[in-house]
PDB file of all heavy atoms in Angstrom:
ATOM      1  N   LYS A   1      -3.023  -9.173   2.021  1.00  0.00           N
ATOM      2  CA  LYS A   1      -3.514  -9.166   3.401  1.00  0.00           C
ATOM      3  C   LYS A   1      -2.427  -8.703   4.370  1.00  0.00           C
ATOM      4  O   LYS A   1      -2.697  -7.934   5.297  1.00  0.00           O
ATOM      5  CB  LYS A   1      -3.994 -10.570   3.796  1.00  0.00           C
ATOM      6  CG  LYS A   1      -5.355 -10.957   3.242  1.00  0.00           C
ATOM      7  CD  LYS A   1      -5.751 -12.333   3.750  1.00  0.00           C
ATOM      8  CE  LYS A   1      -7.138 -12.726   3.281  1.00  0.00           C
ATOM      9  NZ  LYS A   1      -7.522 -14.077   3.774  1.00  0.00           N
ATOM     10  N   LEU A   2      -1.199  -9.151   4.138  1.00  0.00           N
ATOM     11  CA  LEU A   2      -0.106  -8.799   5.032  1.00  0.00           C
ATOM     12  C   LEU A   2       0.231  -7.312   4.965  1.00  0.00           C
ATOM     13  O   LEU A   2       0.350  -6.642   5.997  1.00  0.00           O
ATOM     14  CB  LEU A   2       1.132  -9.624   4.708  1.00  0.00           C
ATOM     15  CG  LEU A   2       2.390  -9.298   5.518  1.00  0.00           C
ATOM     16  CD1 LEU A   2       2.135  -9.466   7.015  1.00  0.00           C
ATOM     17  CD2 LEU A   2       3.565 -10.158   5.071  1.00  0.00           C
ATOM     18  N   ILE A   3       0.398  -6.765   3.763  1.00  0.00           N
ATOM     19  CA  ILE A   3       0.777  -5.352   3.672  1.00  0.00           C
ATOM     20  C   ILE A   3      -0.371  -4.445   4.120  1.00  0.00           C
ATOM     21  O   ILE A   3      -0.128  -3.357   4.660  1.00  0.00           O
ATOM     22  CB  ILE A   3       1.264  -4.972   2.259  1.00  0.00           C
ATOM     23  CG1 ILE A   3       0.160  -5.146   1.221  1.00  0.00           C
ATOM     24  CG2 ILE A   3       2.497  -5.775   1.885  1.00  0.00           C
ATOM     25  CD1 ILE A   3       0.566  -4.631  -0.158  1.00  0.00           C
ATOM     26  N   THR A   4      -1.609  -4.906   3.939  1.00  0.00           N
ATOM     27  CA  THR A   4      -2.754  -4.137   4.447  1.00  0.00           C
ATOM     28  C   THR A   4      -2.739  -4.115   5.967  1.00  0.00           C
ATOM     29  O   THR A   4      -2.982  -3.076   6.604  1.00  0.00           O
ATOM     30  CB  THR A   4      -4.077  -4.734   3.933  1.00  0.00           C
ATOM     31  OG1 THR A   4      -4.087  -4.733   2.502  1.00  0.00           O
ATOM     32  CG2 THR A   4      -5.263  -3.922   4.444  1.00  0.00           C
ATOM     33  N   LYS A   5      -2.431  -5.266   6.577  1.00  0.00           N
ATOM     34  CA  LYS A   5      -2.343  -5.362   8.040  1.00  0.00           C
ATOM     35  C   LYS A   5      -1.255  -4.420   8.569  1.00  0.00           C
ATOM     36  O   LYS A   5      -1.460  -3.708   9.563  1.00  0.00           O
ATOM     37  CB  LYS A   5      -2.046  -6.805   8.438  1.00  0.00           C
ATOM     38  CG  LYS A   5      -1.737  -7.029   9.919  1.00  0.00           C
ATOM     39  CD  LYS A   5      -1.488  -8.507  10.189  1.00  0.00           C
ATOM     40  CE  LYS A   5      -0.948  -8.747  11.586  1.00  0.00           C
ATOM     41  NZ  LYS A   5       0.448  -8.276  11.742  1.00  0.00           N
ATOM     42  N   ILE A   6      -0.097  -4.424   7.926  1.00  0.00           N
ATOM     43  CA  ILE A   6       1.013  -3.559   8.337  1.00  0.00           C
ATOM     44  C   ILE A   6       0.616  -2.087   8.233  1.00  0.00           C
ATOM     45  O   ILE A   6       0.909  -1.275   9.125  1.00  0.00           O
ATOM     46  CB  ILE A   6       2.259  -3.835   7.474  1.00  0.00           C
ATOM     47  CG1 ILE A   6       2.776  -5.252   7.743  1.00  0.00           C
ATOM     48  CG2 ILE A   6       3.357  -2.805   7.738  1.00  0.00           C
ATOM     49  CD1 ILE A   6       3.830  -5.713   6.769  1.00  0.00           C
ATOM     50  N   TYR A   7      -0.062  -1.734   7.146  1.00  0.00           N
ATOM     51  CA  TYR A   7      -0.516  -0.353   6.942  1.00  0.00           C
ATOM     52  C   TYR A   7      -1.493   0.067   8.034  1.00  0.00           C
ATOM     53  O   TYR A   7      -1.374   1.147   8.622  1.00  0.00           O
ATOM     54  CB  TYR A   7      -1.159  -0.233   5.561  1.00  0.00           C
ATOM     55  CG  TYR A   7      -1.833   1.087   5.296  1.00  0.00           C
ATOM     56  CD1 TYR A   7      -1.076   2.245   5.094  1.00  0.00           C
ATOM     57  CD2 TYR A   7      -3.224   1.186   5.234  1.00  0.00           C
ATOM     58  CE1 TYR A   7      -1.695   3.464   4.844  1.00  0.00           C
ATOM     59  CE2 TYR A   7      -3.848   2.392   4.984  1.00  0.00           C
ATOM     60  CZ  TYR A   7      -3.080   3.535   4.795  1.00  0.00           C
ATOM     61  OH  TYR A   7      -3.705   4.735   4.553  1.00  0.00           O
ATOM     62  N   HIS A   8      -2.460  -0.801   8.338  1.00  0.00           N
ATOM     63  CA  HIS A   8      -3.463  -0.479   9.359  1.00  0.00           C
ATOM     64  C   HIS A   8      -2.834  -0.344  10.746  1.00  0.00           C
ATOM     65  O   HIS A   8      -3.238   0.508  11.548  1.00  0.00           O
ATOM     66  CB  HIS A   8      -4.566  -1.533   9.373  1.00  0.00           C
ATOM     67  CG  HIS A   8      -5.514  -1.410   8.225  1.00  0.00           C
ATOM     68  ND1 HIS A   8      -6.265  -2.475   7.750  1.00  0.00           N
ATOM     69  CD2 HIS A   8      -5.841  -0.358   7.443  1.00  0.00           C
ATOM     70  CE1 HIS A   8      -7.011  -2.075   6.750  1.00  0.00           C
ATOM     71  NE2 HIS A   8      -6.776  -0.796   6.532  1.00  0.00           N
ATOM     72  N   GLU A   9      -1.845  -1.173  11.025  1.00  0.00           N
ATOM     73  CA  GLU A   9      -1.145  -1.075  12.313  1.00  0.00           C
ATOM     74  C   GLU A   9      -0.413   0.262  12.424  1.00  0.00           C
ATOM     75  O   GLU A   9      -0.380   0.875  13.498  1.00  0.00           O
ATOM     76  CB  GLU A   9      -0.160  -2.235  12.469  1.00  0.00           C
ATOM     77  CG  GLU A   9      -0.827  -3.566  12.732  1.00  0.00           C
ATOM     78  CD  GLU A   9       0.178  -4.710  12.787  1.00  0.00           C
ATOM     79  OE1 GLU A   9       1.391  -4.453  12.552  1.00  0.00           O
ATOM     80  OE2 GLU A   9      -0.228  -5.863  13.052  1.00  0.00           O
ATOM     81  N   ARG A  10       0.171   0.730  11.334  1.00  0.00           N
ATOM     82  CA  ARG A  10       0.926   1.985  11.354  1.00  0.00           C
ATOM     83  C   ARG A  10       0.013   3.198  11.558  1.00  0.00           C
ATOM     84  O   ARG A  10       0.343   4.105  12.327  1.00  0.00           O
ATOM     85  CB  ARG A  10       1.717   2.129  10.045  1.00  0.00           C
ATOM     86  CG  ARG A  10       2.339   3.496   9.821  1.00  0.00           C
ATOM     87  CD  ARG A  10       3.297   3.885  10.932  1.00  0.00           C
ATOM     88  NE  ARG A  10       3.831   5.212  10.744  1.00  0.00           N
ATOM     89  CZ  ARG A  10       3.201   6.354  11.027  1.00  0.00           C
ATOM     90  NH1 ARG A  10       1.966   6.322  11.532  1.00  0.00           N
ATOM     91  NH2 ARG A  10       3.793   7.518  10.815  1.00  0.00           N
ATOM     92  N   ILE A  11      -1.128   3.224  10.885  1.00  0.00           N
ATOM     93  CA  ILE A  11      -1.999   4.398  10.994  1.00  0.00           C
ATOM     94  C   ILE A  11      -3.028   4.247  12.115  1.00  0.00           C
ATOM     95  O   ILE A  11      -3.768   5.185  12.421  1.00  0.00           O
ATOM     96  CB  ILE A  11      -2.730   4.676   9.660  1.00  0.00           C
ATOM     97  CG1 ILE A  11      -3.700   3.523   9.298  1.00  0.00           C
ATOM     98  CG2 ILE A  11      -1.723   4.908   8.536  1.00  0.00           C
ATOM     99  CD1 ILE A  11      -4.606   3.851   8.130  1.00  0.00           C
ATOM    100  N   ASN A  12      -3.088   3.031  12.715  1.00  0.00           N
ATOM    101  CA  ASN A  12      -4.020   2.754  13.808  1.00  0.00           C
ATOM    102  C   ASN A  12      -5.469   3.033  13.411  1.00  0.00           C
ATOM    103  O   ASN A  12      -6.255   3.608  14.170  1.00  0.00           O
ATOM    104  CB  ASN A  12      -3.653   3.590  15.051  1.00  0.00           C
ATOM    105  CG  ASN A  12      -4.306   3.058  16.314  1.00  0.00           C
ATOM    106  OD1 ASN A  12      -4.585   1.855  16.428  1.00  0.00           O
ATOM    107  ND2 ASN A  12      -4.580   3.934  17.260  1.00  0.00           N
ATOM    108  N   ASP A  13      -5.814   2.616  12.188  1.00  0.00           N
ATOM    109  CA  ASP A  13      -7.171   2.839  11.684  1.00  0.00           C
ATOM    110  C   ASP A  13      -7.448   1.800  10.594  1.00  0.00           C
ATOM    111  O   ASP A  13      -6.871   1.857   9.512  1.00  0.00           O
ATOM    112  CB  ASP A  13      -7.304   4.248  11.121  1.00  0.00           C
ATOM    113  CG  ASP A  13      -8.732   4.579  10.687  1.00  0.00           C
ATOM    114  OD1 ASP A  13      -9.593   3.668  10.704  1.00  0.00           O
ATOM    115  OD2 ASP A  13      -8.974   5.745  10.325  1.00  0.00           O
ATOM    116  N   THR A  14      -8.323   0.853  10.883  1.00  0.00           N
ATOM    117  CA  THR A  14      -8.621  -0.214   9.908  1.00  0.00           C
ATOM    118  C   THR A  14      -9.680   0.190   8.889  1.00  0.00           C
ATOM    119  O   THR A  14      -9.971  -0.571   7.971  1.00  0.00           O
ATOM    120  CB  THR A  14      -9.100  -1.488  10.641  1.00  0.00           C
ATOM    121  OG1 THR A  14     -10.273  -1.174  11.410  1.00  0.00           O
ATOM    122  CG2 THR A  14      -8.013  -2.036  11.545  1.00  0.00           C
ATOM    123  N   SER A  15     -10.246   1.372   9.047  1.00  0.00           N
ATOM    124  CA  SER A  15     -11.310   1.796   8.123  1.00  0.00           C
ATOM    125  C   SER A  15     -10.741   2.384   6.831  1.00  0.00           C
ATOM    126  O   SER A  15     -11.443   2.457   5.817  1.00  0.00           O
ATOM    127  CB  SER A  15     -12.216   2.831   8.796  1.00  0.00           C
ATOM    128  OG  SER A  15     -11.514   4.032   9.064  1.00  0.00           O
ATOM    129  N   LYS A  16      -9.479   2.818   6.866  1.00  0.00           N
ATOM    130  CA  LYS A  16      -8.880   3.438   5.682  1.00  0.00           C
ATOM    131  C   LYS A  16      -8.340   2.385   4.728  1.00  0.00           C
ATOM    132  O   LYS A  16      -7.840   1.354   5.149  1.00  0.00           O
ATOM    133  CB  LYS A  16      -7.764   4.399   6.087  1.00  0.00           C
ATOM    134  CG  LYS A  16      -8.269   5.654   6.792  1.00  0.00           C
ATOM    135  CD  LYS A  16      -7.134   6.637   7.023  1.00  0.00           C
ATOM    136  CE  LYS A  16      -7.664   7.910   7.669  1.00  0.00           C
ATOM    137  NZ  LYS A  16      -6.575   8.901   7.895  1.00  0.00           N
ATOM    138  N   THR A  17      -8.442   2.691   3.444  1.00  0.00           N
ATOM    139  CA  THR A  17      -7.979   1.771   2.411  1.00  0.00           C
ATOM    140  C   THR A  17      -6.598   2.176   1.920  1.00  0.00           C
ATOM    141  O   THR A  17      -6.358   3.346   1.630  1.00  0.00           O
ATOM    142  CB  THR A  17      -8.949   1.764   1.213  1.00  0.00           C
ATOM    143  OG1 THR A  17     -10.256   1.438   1.676  1.00  0.00           O
ATOM    144  CG2 THR A  17      -8.515   0.746   0.175  1.00  0.00           C
ATOM    145  N   MET A  18      -5.706   1.222   1.818  1.00  0.00           N
ATOM    146  CA  MET A  18      -4.377   1.486   1.286  1.00  0.00           C
ATOM    147  C   MET A  18      -4.436   1.566  -0.231  1.00  0.00           C
ATOM    148  O   MET A  18      -5.132   0.785  -0.884  1.00  0.00           O
ATOM    149  CB  MET A  18      -3.425   0.358   1.701  1.00  0.00           C
ATOM    150  CG  MET A  18      -2.000   0.551   1.239  1.00  0.00           C
ATOM    151  SD  MET A  18      -0.972  -0.848   1.739  1.00  0.00           S
ATOM    152  CE  MET A  18      -1.781  -2.177   0.853  1.00  0.00           C
ATOM    153  N   VAL A  19      -3.732   2.530  -0.805  1.00  0.00           N
ATOM    154  CA  VAL A  19      -3.747   2.707  -2.251  1.00  0.00           C
ATOM    155  C   VAL A  19      -2.800   1.716  -2.918  1.00  0.00           C
ATOM    156  O   VAL A  19      -1.628   1.627  -2.561  1.00  0.00           O
ATOM    157  CB  VAL A  19      -3.326   4.145  -2.629  1.00  0.00           C
ATOM    158  CG1 VAL A  19      -3.227   4.291  -4.146  1.00  0.00           C
ATOM    159  CG2 VAL A  19      -4.319   5.150  -2.050  1.00  0.00           C
ATOM    160  N   ILE A  20      -3.333   0.951  -3.861  1.00  0.00           N
ATOM    161  CA  ILE A  20      -2.530   0.054  -4.685  1.00  0.00           C
ATOM    162  C   ILE A  20      -2.459   0.665  -6.075  1.00  0.00           C
ATOM    163  O   ILE A  20      -3.486   0.888  -6.710  1.00  0.00           O
ATOM    164  CB  ILE A  20      -3.133  -1.357  -4.769  1.00  0.00           C
ATOM    165  CG1 ILE A  20      -3.276  -1.972  -3.381  1.00  0.00           C
ATOM    166  CG2 ILE A  20      -2.289  -2.245  -5.684  1.00  0.00           C
ATOM    167  CD1 ILE A  20      -1.969  -2.280  -2.693  1.00  0.00           C
ATOM    168  N   GLY A  21      -1.253   0.945  -6.557  1.00  0.00           N
ATOM    169  CA  GLY A  21      -1.108   1.634  -7.831  1.00  0.00           C
ATOM    170  C   GLY A  21      -1.450   0.761  -9.028  1.00  0.00           C
ATOM    171  O   GLY A  21      -1.309  -0.457  -8.986  1.00  0.00           O
ATOM    172  N   LYS A  22      -1.900   1.414 -10.114  1.00  0.00           N
ATOM    173  CA  LYS A  22      -2.200   0.685 -11.347  1.00  0.00           C
ATOM    174  C   LYS A  22      -1.271   1.130 -12.484  1.00  0.00           C
ATOM    175  O   LYS A  22      -1.525   0.874 -13.643  1.00  0.00           O
ATOM    176  CB  LYS A  22      -3.653   0.886 -11.736  1.00  0.00           C
ATOM    177  CG  LYS A  22      -4.025   2.308 -12.128  1.00  0.00           C
ATOM    178  CD  LYS A  22      -5.508   2.464 -12.358  1.00  0.00           C
ATOM    179  CE  LYS A  22      -6.033   1.579 -13.442  1.00  0.00           C
ATOM    180  NZ  LYS A  22      -7.470   1.709 -13.649  1.00  0.00           N
ATOM    181  N   GLY A  23      -0.192   1.801 -12.132  1.00  0.00           N
ATOM    182  CA  GLY A  23       0.735   2.276 -13.150  1.00  0.00           C
ATOM    183  C   GLY A  23       1.614   1.177 -13.705  1.00  0.00           C
ATOM    184  O   GLY A  23       1.592   0.039 -13.247  1.00  0.00           O
ATOM    185  N   GLY A  24       2.418   1.545 -14.699  1.00  0.00           N
ATOM    186  CA  GLY A  24       3.297   0.569 -15.324  1.00  0.00           C
ATOM    187  C   GLY A  24       4.570   0.388 -14.537  1.00  0.00           C
ATOM    188  O   GLY A  24       5.646   0.769 -14.979  1.00  0.00           O
ATOM    189  N   SER A  25       4.463  -0.175 -13.357  1.00  0.00           N
ATOM    190  CA  SER A  25       5.630  -0.320 -12.483  1.00  0.00           C
ATOM    191  C   SER A  25       6.261  -1.699 -12.652  1.00  0.00           C
ATOM    192  O   SER A  25       5.752  -2.569 -13.344  1.00  0.00           O
ATOM    193  CB  SER A  25       5.220  -0.121 -11.022  1.00  0.00           C
ATOM    194  OG  SER A  25       4.516  -1.249 -10.559  1.00  0.00           O
ATOM    195  N   TYR A  26       7.389  -1.891 -11.954  1.00  0.00           N
ATOM    196  CA  TYR A  26       8.061  -3.190 -11.977  1.00  0.00           C
ATOM    197  C   TYR A  26       7.229  -4.272 -11.294  1.00  0.00           C
ATOM    198  O   TYR A  26       7.516  -5.463 -11.443  1.00  0.00           O
ATOM    199  CB  TYR A  26       9.425  -3.090 -11.286  1.00  0.00           C
ATOM    200  CG  TYR A  26      10.423  -2.247 -12.039  1.00  0.00           C
ATOM    201  CD1 TYR A  26      10.866  -1.038 -11.533  1.00  0.00           C
ATOM    202  CD2 TYR A  26      10.917  -2.668 -13.271  1.00  0.00           C
ATOM    203  CE1 TYR A  26      11.786  -0.255 -12.227  1.00  0.00           C
ATOM    204  CE2 TYR A  26      11.833  -1.901 -13.977  1.00  0.00           C
ATOM    205  CZ  TYR A  26      12.260  -0.694 -13.452  1.00  0.00           C
ATOM    206  OH  TYR A  26      13.161   0.063 -14.145  1.00  0.00           O
ATOM    207  N   ALA A  27       6.219  -3.879 -10.535  1.00  0.00           N
ATOM    208  CA  ALA A  27       5.396  -4.858  -9.832  1.00  0.00           C
ATOM    209  C   ALA A  27       4.769  -5.863 -10.790  1.00  0.00           C
ATOM    210  O   ALA A  27       4.559  -7.029 -10.442  1.00  0.00           O
ATOM    211  CB  ALA A  27       4.299  -4.157  -9.029  1.00  0.00           C
ATOM    212  N   GLY A  28       4.476  -5.416 -12.004  1.00  0.00           N
ATOM    213  CA  GLY A  28       3.869  -6.314 -12.981  1.00  0.00           C
ATOM    214  C   GLY A  28       4.819  -7.351 -13.543  1.00  0.00           C
ATOM    215  O   GLY A  28       4.400  -8.256 -14.263  1.00  0.00           O
ATOM    216  N   LYS A  29       6.108  -7.236 -13.219  1.00  0.00           N
ATOM    217  CA  LYS A  29       7.107  -8.165 -13.745  1.00  0.00           C
ATOM    218  C   LYS A  29       7.652  -9.106 -12.678  1.00  0.00           C
ATOM    219  O   LYS A  29       8.384 -10.034 -12.997  1.00  0.00           O
ATOM    220  CB  LYS A  29       8.283  -7.377 -14.347  1.00  0.00           C
ATOM    221  CG  LYS A  29       7.900  -6.363 -15.403  1.00  0.00           C
ATOM    222  CD  LYS A  29       7.318  -7.022 -16.641  1.00  0.00           C
ATOM    223  CE  LYS A  29       7.025  -5.978 -17.708  1.00  0.00           C
ATOM    224  NZ  LYS A  29       6.419  -6.581 -18.925  1.00  0.00           N
ATOM    225  N   ILE A  30       7.316  -8.845 -11.414  1.00  0.00           N
ATOM    226  CA  ILE A  30       7.872  -9.624 -10.310  1.00  0.00           C
ATOM    227  C   ILE A  30       6.756 -10.419  -9.624  1.00  0.00           C
ATOM    228  O   ILE A  30       5.735  -9.834  -9.245  1.00  0.00           O
ATOM    229  CB  ILE A  30       8.550  -8.697  -9.270  1.00  0.00           C
ATOM    230  CG1 ILE A  30       9.621  -7.843  -9.955  1.00  0.00           C
ATOM    231  CG2 ILE A  30       9.158  -9.507  -8.131  1.00  0.00           C
ATOM    232  CD1 ILE A  30      10.193  -6.761  -9.063  1.00  0.00           C
ATOM    233  N   PRO A  31       6.906 -11.728  -9.450  1.00  0.00           N
ATOM    234  CA  PRO A  31       5.853 -12.533  -8.808  1.00  0.00           C
ATOM    235  C   PRO A  31       5.540 -12.042  -7.394  1.00  0.00           C
ATOM    236  O   PRO A  31       6.431 -11.623  -6.649  1.00  0.00           O
ATOM    237  CB  PRO A  31       6.463 -13.943  -8.771  1.00  0.00           C
ATOM    238  CG  PRO A  31       7.507 -13.939  -9.845  1.00  0.00           C
ATOM    239  CD  PRO A  31       8.056 -12.543  -9.872  1.00  0.00           C
ATOM    240  N   ASN A  32       4.252 -12.085  -7.037  1.00  0.00           N
ATOM    241  CA  ASN A  32       3.793 -11.731  -5.683  1.00  0.00           C
ATOM    242  C   ASN A  32       4.179 -10.305  -5.269  1.00  0.00           C
ATOM    243  O   ASN A  32       4.527 -10.061  -4.110  1.00  0.00           O
ATOM    244  CB  ASN A  32       4.335 -12.723  -4.644  1.00  0.00           C
ATOM    245  CG  ASN A  32       3.759 -14.107  -4.839  1.00  0.00           C
ATOM    246  OD1 ASN A  32       2.584 -14.253  -5.143  1.00  0.00           O
ATOM    247  ND2 ASN A  32       4.591 -15.122  -4.679  1.00  0.00           N
ATOM    248  N   SER A  33       4.155  -9.388  -6.205  1.00  0.00           N
ATOM    249  CA  SER A  33       4.487  -8.003  -5.867  1.00  0.00           C
ATOM    250  C   SER A  33       3.303  -7.085  -6.172  1.00  0.00           C
ATOM    251  O   SER A  33       2.468  -7.385  -7.032  1.00  0.00           O
ATOM    252  CB  SER A  33       5.716  -7.534  -6.654  1.00  0.00           C
ATOM    253  OG  SER A  33       5.460  -7.585  -8.046  1.00  0.00           O
ATOM    254  N   VAL A  34       3.237  -5.979  -5.444  1.00  0.00           N
ATOM    255  CA  VAL A  34       2.193  -4.979  -5.673  1.00  0.00           C
ATOM    256  C   VAL A  34       2.839  -3.602  -5.705  1.00  0.00           C
ATOM    257  O   VAL A  34       3.924  -3.393  -5.161  1.00  0.00           O
ATOM    258  CB  VAL A  34       1.104  -5.007  -4.571  1.00  0.00           C
ATOM    259  CG1 VAL A  34       0.354  -6.316  -4.585  1.00  0.00           C
ATOM    260  CG2 VAL A  34       1.718  -4.760  -3.195  1.00  0.00           C
ATOM    261  N   ALA A  35       2.181  -2.663  -6.359  1.00  0.00           N
ATOM    262  CA  ALA A  35       2.693  -1.291  -6.439  1.00  0.00           C
ATOM    263  C   ALA A  35       1.991  -0.439  -5.390  1.00  0.00           C
ATOM    264  O   ALA A  35       0.800  -0.174  -5.488  1.00  0.00           O
ATOM    265  CB  ALA A  35       2.448  -0.724  -7.839  1.00  0.00           C
ATOM    266  N   THR A  36       2.741  -0.012  -4.390  1.00  0.00           N
ATOM    267  CA  THR A  36       2.185   0.865  -3.359  1.00  0.00           C
ATOM    268  C   THR A  36       3.303   1.727  -2.781  1.00  0.00           C
ATOM    269  O   THR A  36       4.476   1.490  -3.032  1.00  0.00           O
ATOM    270  CB  THR A  36       1.497   0.057  -2.239  1.00  0.00           C
ATOM    271  OG1 THR A  36       0.766   0.951  -1.400  1.00  0.00           O
ATOM    272  CG2 THR A  36       2.506  -0.719  -1.413  1.00  0.00           C
ATOM    273  N   GLY A  37       2.943   2.714  -1.990  1.00  0.00           N
ATOM    274  CA  GLY A  37       3.950   3.624  -1.403  1.00  0.00           C
ATOM    275  C   GLY A  37       4.094   4.872  -2.262  1.00  0.00           C
ATOM    276  O   GLY A  37       3.314   5.092  -3.179  1.00  0.00           O
ATOM    277  N   ILE A  38       5.012   5.723  -1.976  1.00  0.00           N
ATOM    278  CA  ILE A  38       6.007   5.590  -0.948  1.00  0.00           C
ATOM    279  C   ILE A  38       5.820   6.687   0.104  1.00  0.00           C
ATOM    280  O   ILE A  38       6.604   6.810   1.030  1.00  0.00           O
ATOM    281  CB  ILE A  38       7.438   5.659  -1.577  1.00  0.00           C
ATOM    282  CG1 ILE A  38       8.556   5.397  -0.580  1.00  0.00           C
ATOM    283  CG2 ILE A  38       7.622   7.026  -2.204  1.00  0.00           C
ATOM    284  CD1 ILE A  38       8.662   4.013  -0.159  1.00  0.00           C
ATOM    285  N   ILE A  39       4.781   7.507  -0.043  1.00  0.00           N
ATOM    286  CA  ILE A  39       4.560   8.619   0.894  1.00  0.00           C
ATOM    287  C   ILE A  39       3.390   8.293   1.817  1.00  0.00           C
ATOM    288  O   ILE A  39       2.331   7.865   1.369  1.00  0.00           O
ATOM    289  CB  ILE A  39       4.268   9.926   0.140  1.00  0.00           C
ATOM    290  CG1 ILE A  39       5.438  10.293  -0.761  1.00  0.00           C
ATOM    291  CG2 ILE A  39       3.991  11.059   1.123  1.00  0.00           C
ATOM    292  CD1 ILE A  39       5.164  11.477  -1.663  1.00  0.00           C
ATOM    293  N   LEU A  40       3.580   8.501   3.112  1.00  0.00           N
ATOM    294  CA  LEU A  40       2.499   8.383   4.078  1.00  0.00           C
ATOM    295  C   LEU A  40       1.940   9.784   4.297  1.00  0.00           C
ATOM    296  O   LEU A  40       2.600  10.646   4.877  1.00  0.00           O
ATOM    297  CB  LEU A  40       3.022   7.800   5.391  1.00  0.00           C
ATOM    298  CG  LEU A  40       1.970   7.343   6.395  1.00  0.00           C
ATOM    299  CD1 LEU A  40       1.160   6.176   5.825  1.00  0.00           C
ATOM    300  CD2 LEU A  40       2.618   6.929   7.701  1.00  0.00           C
ATOM    301  N   HIS A  41       0.745  10.024   3.814  1.00  0.00           N
ATOM    302  CA  HIS A  41       0.218  11.393   3.778  1.00  0.00           C
ATOM    303  C   HIS A  41      -0.164  11.936   5.160  1.00  0.00           C
ATOM    304  O   HIS A  41       0.155  13.068   5.496  1.00  0.00           O
ATOM    305  CB  HIS A  41      -0.973  11.466   2.823  1.00  0.00           C
ATOM    306  CG  HIS A  41      -0.578  11.288   1.387  1.00  0.00           C
ATOM    307  ND1 HIS A  41       0.024  12.281   0.651  1.00  0.00           N
ATOM    308  CD2 HIS A  41      -0.677  10.219   0.562  1.00  0.00           C
ATOM    309  CE1 HIS A  41       0.270  11.850  -0.572  1.00  0.00           C
ATOM    310  NE2 HIS A  41      -0.149  10.598  -0.663  1.00  0.00           N
ATOM    311  N   ASP A  42      -0.888  11.149   5.947  1.00  0.00           N
ATOM    312  CA  ASP A  42      -1.228  11.565   7.316  1.00  0.00           C
ATOM    313  C   ASP A  42      -1.772  12.991   7.397  1.00  0.00           C
ATOM    314  O   ASP A  42      -1.320  13.823   8.189  1.00  0.00           O
ATOM    315  CB  ASP A  42       0.005  11.454   8.224  1.00  0.00           C
ATOM    316  CG  ASP A  42       0.167  10.040   8.786  1.00  0.00           C
ATOM    317  OD1 ASP A  42      -0.752   9.228   8.593  1.00  0.00           O
ATOM    318  OD2 ASP A  42       1.199   9.755   9.403  1.00  0.00           O
ATOM    319  N   GLY A  43      -2.741  13.314   6.560  1.00  0.00           N
ATOM    320  CA  GLY A  43      -3.378  14.619   6.630  1.00  0.00           C
ATOM    321  C   GLY A  43      -2.586  15.750   6.002  1.00  0.00           C
ATOM    322  O   GLY A  43      -2.907  16.928   6.204  1.00  0.00           O
ATOM    323  N   TYR A  44      -1.563  15.421   5.237  1.00  0.00           N
ATOM    324  CA  TYR A  44      -0.729  16.455   4.605  1.00  0.00           C
ATOM    325  C   TYR A  44      -1.548  17.282   3.617  1.00  0.00           C
ATOM    326  O   TYR A  44      -2.352  16.759   2.854  1.00  0.00           O
ATOM    327  CB  TYR A  44       0.440  15.795   3.886  1.00  0.00           C
ATOM    328  CG  TYR A  44       1.137  16.678   2.876  1.00  0.00           C
ATOM    329  CD1 TYR A  44       1.930  17.744   3.298  1.00  0.00           C
ATOM    330  CD2 TYR A  44       0.996  16.455   1.514  1.00  0.00           C
ATOM    331  CE1 TYR A  44       2.575  18.565   2.384  1.00  0.00           C
ATOM    332  CE2 TYR A  44       1.644  17.270   0.589  1.00  0.00           C
ATOM    333  CZ  TYR A  44       2.421  18.319   1.027  1.00  0.00           C
ATOM    334  OH  TYR A  44       3.056  19.128   0.113  1.00  0.00           O
TER     335      TYR A  44
END
């Protein structure tokens, strides 16, 4: 909820969904962590 709120505040649009990765990242080994980032596309 917190990182989604931060993302929505940055892009000023609550309708867009933040991408949460499903790859084999370190997030799966660290408590309370998620895989997201690191590029903000902004219409690129």
